[in-house]
Amino acid sequence: MVRIVSKQPRKQRKLRFNAPLHQRGRFLSAPLSSELRTKYGTRAARVAKGDTVQVLRGDFSGESGVVDGVDTSACKLLVHGVSSTKADGTEVPRPIDPSNVRITKLNLKDKAREARIGRA
């Protein structure tokens, strides 16, 4: 767990940017929808590939899509349907911060994940 002791923003950024990958997974959590919140008894969960999320902030607010990928090194999500157009006309995925999305449907193909979310 990343333990942030200092209140100075520069030290908070430094600890976040220099955190090891096993601690960066904590930064990839997003709030659950109200239905999932009552079902599992927890407020947030780590976002995984295959989850359905709704974008809450930014240019794509209100959009829903399936998570195509999770970038643990940059702490960003790639959501299907959220993309930007480059100058040459090609579409590129737009990385989104997990704090700006809400999980509306969980990908529970892995039964261990359901147990982890339920006990959290």
C-alpha atoms as a PDB file:
ATOM      1  CA  MET A   1       0.000   0.000   0.000  1.00  0.00           C
ATOM      2  CA  VAL A   2       1.232   3.474  -0.863  1.00  0.00           C
ATOM      3  CA  ARG A   3       1.380   5.371   2.356  1.00  0.00           C
ATOM      4  CA  ILE A   4       1.322   9.086   1.691  1.00  0.00           C
ATOM      5  CA  VAL A   5       2.590  10.852   4.758  1.00  0.00           C
ATOM      6  CA  SER A   6       3.350  14.300   3.418  1.00  0.00           C
ATOM      7  CA  LYS A   7       0.717  16.866   2.478  1.00  0.00           C
ATOM      8  CA  GLN A   8       3.006  18.461  -0.085  1.00  0.00           C
ATOM      9  CA  PRO A   9       1.652  17.891  -3.614  1.00  0.00           C
ATOM     10  CA  ARG A  10       5.124  17.376  -5.076  1.00  0.00           C
ATOM     11  CA  LYS A  11       5.789  14.496  -2.699  1.00  0.00           C
ATOM     12  CA  GLN A  12       2.352  12.996  -3.311  1.00  0.00           C
ATOM     13  CA  ARG A  13       2.986  13.071  -7.085  1.00  0.00           C
ATOM     14  CA  LYS A  14       6.449  11.597  -6.612  1.00  0.00           C
ATOM     15  CA  LEU A  15       5.132   8.652  -4.573  1.00  0.00           C
ATOM     16  CA  ARG A  16       2.345   8.047  -7.085  1.00  0.00           C
ATOM     17  CA  PHE A  17       4.597   8.182 -10.149  1.00  0.00           C
ATOM     18  CA  ASN A  18       7.331   6.049  -8.571  1.00  0.00           C
ATOM     19  CA  ALA A  19       4.993   3.426  -7.079  1.00  0.00           C
ATOM     20  CA  PRO A  20       5.721  -0.190  -8.035  1.00  0.00           C
ATOM     21  CA  LEU A  21       3.264  -2.008 -10.295  1.00  0.00           C
ATOM     22  CA  HIS A  22       1.764  -4.129  -7.521  1.00  0.00           C
ATOM     23  CA  GLN A  23       0.772  -0.915  -5.718  1.00  0.00           C
ATOM     24  CA  ARG A  24      -0.437   0.842  -8.882  1.00  0.00           C
ATOM     25  CA  GLY A  25      -3.328  -1.606  -9.026  1.00  0.00           C
ATOM     26  CA  ARG A  26      -4.938   0.318  -6.174  1.00  0.00           C
ATOM     27  CA  PHE A  27      -5.030   3.416  -8.385  1.00  0.00           C
ATOM     28  CA  LEU A  28      -7.163   1.493 -10.917  1.00  0.00           C
ATOM     29  CA  SER A  29     -10.297   1.312  -8.789  1.00  0.00           C
ATOM     30  CA  ALA A  30     -13.554   2.964  -9.803  1.00  0.00           C
ATOM     31  CA  PRO A  31     -16.901   3.401  -8.040  1.00  0.00           C
ATOM     32  CA  LEU A  32     -19.647   0.833  -8.610  1.00  0.00           C
ATOM     33  CA  SER A  33     -23.147   1.669  -9.802  1.00  0.00           C
ATOM     34  CA  SER A  34     -25.861   1.780  -7.149  1.00  0.00           C
ATOM     35  CA  GLU A  35     -27.213  -1.674  -8.142  1.00  0.00           C
ATOM     36  CA  LEU A  36     -23.776  -3.290  -7.889  1.00  0.00           C
ATOM     37  CA  ARG A  37     -23.083  -1.394  -4.676  1.00  0.00           C
ATOM     38  CA  THR A  38     -26.102  -2.891  -2.931  1.00  0.00           C
ATOM     39  CA  LYS A  39     -25.459  -6.360  -4.381  1.00  0.00           C
ATOM     40  CA  TYR A  40     -21.814  -6.645  -3.314  1.00  0.00           C
ATOM     41  CA  GLY A  41     -21.822  -4.327  -0.299  1.00  0.00           C
ATOM     42  CA  THR A  42     -18.792  -2.357  -1.427  1.00  0.00           C
ATOM     43  CA  ARG A  43     -18.379   1.100  -2.875  1.00  0.00           C
ATOM     44  CA  ALA A  44     -15.586   0.567  -5.411  1.00  0.00           C
ATOM     45  CA  ALA A  45     -13.700  -2.171  -7.205  1.00  0.00           C
ATOM     46  CA  ARG A  46     -10.649  -2.506  -9.407  1.00  0.00           C
ATOM     47  CA  VAL A  47     -11.485  -2.125 -13.087  1.00  0.00           C
ATOM     48  CA  ALA A  48     -10.692  -5.156 -15.246  1.00  0.00           C
ATOM     49  CA  LYS A  49     -10.749  -5.869 -18.953  1.00  0.00           C
ATOM     50  CA  GLY A  50     -14.291  -6.774 -20.006  1.00  0.00           C
ATOM     51  CA  ASP A  51     -16.101  -4.611 -17.442  1.00  0.00           C
ATOM     52  CA  THR A  52     -18.737  -2.222 -18.735  1.00  0.00           C
ATOM     53  CA  VAL A  53     -18.192   1.345 -17.569  1.00  0.00           C
ATOM     54  CA  GLN A  54     -19.898   4.700 -17.960  1.00  0.00           C
ATOM     55  CA  VAL A  55     -17.706   7.782 -18.458  1.00  0.00           C
ATOM     56  CA  LEU A  56     -18.664  10.528 -15.999  1.00  0.00           C
ATOM     57  CA  ARG A  57     -16.280  13.364 -16.853  1.00  0.00           C
ATOM     58  CA  GLY A  58     -14.619  14.903 -19.876  1.00  0.00           C
ATOM     59  CA  ASP A  59     -15.474  15.074 -23.564  1.00  0.00           C
ATOM     60  CA  PHE A  60     -17.035  11.602 -23.530  1.00  0.00           C
ATOM     61  CA  SER A  61     -19.230  11.980 -20.440  1.00  0.00           C
ATOM     62  CA  GLY A  62     -22.352   9.852 -20.662  1.00  0.00           C
ATOM     63  CA  GLU A  63     -20.749   7.304 -22.992  1.00  0.00           C
ATOM     64  CA  SER A  64     -20.837   3.642 -21.992  1.00  0.00           C
ATOM     65  CA  GLY A  65     -18.534   0.956 -23.253  1.00  0.00           C
ATOM     66  CA  VAL A  66     -16.597  -2.183 -22.493  1.00  0.00           C
ATOM     67  CA  VAL A  67     -13.066  -1.816 -21.139  1.00  0.00           C
ATOM     68  CA  ASP A  68     -10.730  -2.952 -23.924  1.00  0.00           C
ATOM     69  CA  GLY A  69      -7.558  -2.643 -21.887  1.00  0.00           C
ATOM     70  CA  VAL A  70      -6.065  -1.522 -18.601  1.00  0.00           C
ATOM     71  CA  ASP A  71      -2.678   0.208 -18.631  1.00  0.00           C
ATOM     72  CA  THR A  72      -1.209  -0.375 -15.181  1.00  0.00           C
ATOM     73  CA  SER A  73       1.965   1.611 -15.826  1.00  0.00           C
ATOM     74  CA  ALA A  74       0.072   4.780 -16.802  1.00  0.00           C
ATOM     75  CA  CYS A  75      -3.003   4.034 -14.600  1.00  0.00           C
ATOM     76  CA  LYS A  76      -5.381   4.558 -17.530  1.00  0.00           C
ATOM     77  CA  LEU A  77      -8.284   2.659 -19.110  1.00  0.00           C
ATOM     78  CA  LEU A  78      -9.069   2.077 -22.777  1.00  0.00           C
ATOM     79  CA  VAL A  79     -12.846   2.046 -23.306  1.00  0.00           C
ATOM     80  CA  HIS A  80     -14.481   0.772 -26.499  1.00  0.00           C
ATOM     81  CA  GLY A  81     -16.103   3.665 -28.359  1.00  0.00           C
ATOM     82  CA  VAL A  82     -14.017   6.367 -26.697  1.00  0.00           C
ATOM     83  CA  SER A  83     -11.509   7.484 -29.299  1.00  0.00           C
ATOM     84  CA  SER A  84     -10.007  10.603 -30.808  1.00  0.00           C
ATOM     85  CA  THR A  85      -9.452  11.365 -34.473  1.00  0.00           C
ATOM     86  CA  LYS A  86      -5.915  12.204 -35.548  1.00  0.00           C
ATOM     87  CA  ALA A  87      -5.087  14.780 -38.192  1.00  0.00           C
ATOM     88  CA  ASP A  88      -4.758  12.080 -40.867  1.00  0.00           C
ATOM     89  CA  GLY A  89      -8.234  10.735 -40.028  1.00  0.00           C
ATOM     90  CA  THR A  90      -7.281   7.605 -38.123  1.00  0.00           C
ATOM     91  CA  GLU A  91      -9.048   6.763 -34.867  1.00  0.00           C
ATOM     92  CA  VAL A  92      -6.918   6.202 -31.772  1.00  0.00           C
ATOM     93  CA  PRO A  93      -8.204   5.097 -28.351  1.00  0.00           C
ATOM     94  CA  ARG A  94      -8.386   7.843 -25.749  1.00  0.00           C
ATOM     95  CA  PRO A  95      -6.989   6.796 -22.348  1.00  0.00           C
ATOM     96  CA  ILE A  96      -9.309   7.612 -19.440  1.00  0.00           C
ATOM     97  CA  ASP A  97      -8.505   7.900 -15.763  1.00  0.00           C
ATOM     98  CA  PRO A  98     -10.361   5.322 -13.645  1.00  0.00           C
ATOM     99  CA  SER A  99     -11.626   8.023 -11.283  1.00  0.00           C
ATOM    100  CA  ASN A 100     -13.716   9.421 -14.147  1.00  0.00           C
ATOM    101  CA  VAL A 101     -15.758   6.274 -14.787  1.00  0.00           C
ATOM    102  CA  ARG A 102     -18.424   4.235 -12.987  1.00  0.00           C
ATOM    103  CA  ILE A 103     -18.582   0.447 -13.277  1.00  0.00           C
ATOM    104  CA  THR A 104     -22.052  -0.604 -14.447  1.00  0.00           C
ATOM    105  CA  LYS A 105     -21.407  -4.293 -15.189  1.00  0.00           C
ATOM    106  CA  LEU A 106     -18.672  -6.563 -13.897  1.00  0.00           C
ATOM    107  CA  ASN A 107     -16.851  -9.189 -15.948  1.00  0.00           C
ATOM    108  CA  LEU A 108     -17.171 -12.221 -13.668  1.00  0.00           C
ATOM    109  CA  LYS A 109     -15.674 -14.960 -15.857  1.00  0.00           C
ATOM    110  CA  ASP A 110     -13.113 -15.378 -13.094  1.00  0.00           C
ATOM    111  CA  LYS A 111     -14.999 -16.671 -10.022  1.00  0.00           C
ATOM    112  CA  ALA A 112     -12.164 -15.611  -7.724  1.00  0.00           C
ATOM    113  CA  ARG A 113     -12.830 -11.991  -8.690  1.00  0.00           C
ATOM    114  CA  GLU A 114     -16.435 -12.218  -7.533  1.00  0.00           C
ATOM    115  CA  ALA A 115     -15.235 -13.557  -4.183  1.00  0.00           C
ATOM    116  CA  ARG A 116     -12.691 -10.735  -3.897  1.00  0.00           C
ATOM    117  CA  ILE A 117     -15.268  -8.063  -4.643  1.00  0.00           C
ATOM    118  CA  GLY A 118     -17.837  -9.580  -2.311  1.00  0.00           C
ATOM    119  CA  ARG A 119     -15.524  -9.677   0.678  1.00  0.00           C
ATOM    120  CA  ALA A 120     -13.952  -6.245   0.132  1.00  0.00           C
END
